[in-house]
Amino acid sequence: MRIIGLDIHRAFAETVAWENGKLRWLGRVDMRCDLLGAFAAKLSPDDVVVIEAAGNASSAAAVVAPHVKKVVIANPKQVRIIAHAKIKTDTIDAAARCQWFPAGSLGG
């Protein structure tokens, strides 16, 4: 199982995969429905996707969900590793979401 972290914005999302104890940057994905859907279609049915709680998180989750095992919407204020970061970038935020999920911090 891979965990895919998405740090989403209005126009794009930074994406990172956590697999076998290693992070890999997947790139920047356009948030237009067709392009996000094309990205999601490349994911595995066993993948878990963790999306930042933002205004368009529910829409993004709806596009991604049919392609993966589970989608979790994470509130960054509840993610201590992100909230306390001294250096913040979109890629670091996406990576933190990936690492946070296996620790069980996300709940259901």
Protein backbone atom coordinates (compact mmCIF):
# COMPACT_ATOMS: atom_id res chain seq x y z
CA MET A 1 0.00 0.00 0.00
CA ARG A 2 1.21 3.48 -0.85
CA ILE A 3 0.09 6.61 0.88
CA ILE A 4 -0.31 9.59 -1.41
CA GLY A 5 -0.24 13.06 0.15
CA LEU A 6 -1.87 15.97 -1.66
CA ASP A 7 -1.26 19.56 -0.59
CA ILE A 8 -4.03 21.23 -2.56
CA HIS A 9 -4.58 24.75 -3.75
CA ARG A 10 -7.15 26.30 -6.02
CA ALA A 11 -5.26 25.58 -9.26
CA PHE A 12 -2.83 22.76 -8.40
CA ALA A 13 -1.78 20.12 -5.87
CA GLU A 14 1.70 19.03 -4.86
CA THR A 15 1.79 15.23 -4.62
CA VAL A 16 4.10 12.90 -2.71
CA ALA A 17 4.03 9.12 -2.27
CA TRP A 18 5.15 7.23 0.84
CA GLU A 19 6.06 3.65 -0.02
CA ASN A 20 8.36 1.12 1.64
CA GLY A 21 9.56 3.75 4.10
CA LYS A 22 10.60 6.21 1.39
CA LEU A 23 9.13 9.43 0.07
CA ARG A 24 8.92 10.14 -3.63
CA TRP A 25 7.74 13.40 -5.16
CA LEU A 26 5.09 12.71 -7.79
CA GLY A 27 4.88 16.25 -9.10
CA ARG A 28 2.36 19.00 -9.40
CA VAL A 29 -1.15 18.10 -10.54
CA ASP A 30 -3.58 20.56 -12.11
CA MET A 31 -6.81 20.71 -10.09
CA ARG A 32 -9.11 20.81 -13.12
CA CYS A 33 -11.47 17.85 -12.80
CA ASP A 34 -10.33 16.09 -15.98
CA LEU A 35 -6.61 16.43 -15.16
CA LEU A 36 -7.05 15.44 -11.51
CA GLY A 37 -9.08 12.47 -12.71
CA ALA A 38 -6.30 11.47 -15.11
CA PHE A 39 -3.81 11.60 -12.23
CA ALA A 40 -6.13 9.54 -10.00
CA ALA A 41 -6.59 6.93 -12.74
CA LYS A 42 -2.83 6.24 -12.53
CA LEU A 43 -3.06 5.44 -8.82
CA SER A 44 -3.41 1.91 -7.48
CA PRO A 45 -6.67 0.56 -6.02
CA ASP A 46 -4.64 -0.19 -2.87
CA ASP A 47 -3.44 3.41 -2.42
CA VAL A 48 -4.61 5.64 0.43
CA VAL A 49 -4.81 9.35 -0.40
CA VAL A 50 -4.51 12.02 2.29
CA ILE A 51 -5.82 15.42 1.16
CA GLU A 52 -5.41 18.73 2.95
CA ALA A 53 -8.68 20.11 4.33
CA ALA A 54 -9.23 23.10 2.06
CA GLY A 55 -12.19 24.64 0.28
CA ASN A 56 -11.99 22.21 -2.63
CA ALA A 57 -11.02 19.09 -0.62
CA SER A 58 -14.41 17.42 -0.91
CA SER A 59 -14.50 17.92 -4.67
CA ALA A 60 -10.96 16.58 -5.02
CA ALA A 61 -11.82 13.59 -2.81
CA ALA A 62 -14.86 12.81 -4.96
CA VAL A 63 -12.70 12.71 -8.10
CA VAL A 64 -9.95 10.60 -6.52
CA ALA A 65 -12.04 8.18 -4.40
CA PRO A 66 -13.22 5.83 -7.18
CA HIS A 67 -9.59 5.03 -8.03
CA VAL A 68 -8.13 4.25 -4.58
CA LYS A 69 -8.76 2.24 -1.42
CA LYS A 70 -9.44 5.24 0.82
CA VAL A 71 -9.38 9.03 0.84
CA VAL A 72 -8.81 10.90 4.10
CA ILE A 73 -9.28 14.65 4.45
CA ALA A 74 -6.81 15.94 7.05
CA ASN A 75 -7.08 19.20 8.95
CA PRO A 76 -3.57 20.72 8.97
CA LYS A 77 -4.21 22.33 12.38
CA GLN A 78 -4.57 18.85 13.84
CA VAL A 79 -1.34 17.63 12.26
CA ARG A 80 1.37 18.51 14.75
CA ILE A 81 4.21 17.69 12.33
CA ILE A 82 2.84 20.28 9.86
CA ALA A 83 1.62 22.89 12.31
CA HIS A 84 5.00 23.07 14.08
CA ALA A 85 7.18 22.98 10.97
CA LYS A 86 9.73 25.76 10.83
CA ILE A 87 10.23 25.34 7.08
CA LYS A 88 7.00 24.96 5.12
CA THR A 89 6.58 24.24 1.45
CA ASP A 90 3.76 22.52 -0.38
CA THR A 91 5.93 19.46 -0.98
CA ILE A 92 6.93 19.26 2.70
CA ASP A 93 3.25 19.55 3.69
CA ALA A 94 2.27 16.74 1.28
CA ALA A 95 5.11 14.57 2.59
CA ALA A 96 4.07 15.20 6.20
CA ARG A 97 0.57 13.97 5.39
CA CYS A 98 2.02 10.74 4.00
CA GLN A 99 4.14 10.11 7.07
CA TRP A 100 1.35 11.07 9.45
CA PHE A 101 -1.17 8.49 8.22
CA PRO A 102 0.73 5.32 9.20
CA ALA A 103 1.15 6.65 12.72
CA GLY A 104 -2.63 6.43 13.11
CA SER A 105 -3.03 10.15 13.73
CA LEU A 106 -5.80 10.55 11.18
CA GLY A 107 -8.34 8.26 12.70
CA GLY A 108 -11.07 6.99 10.36
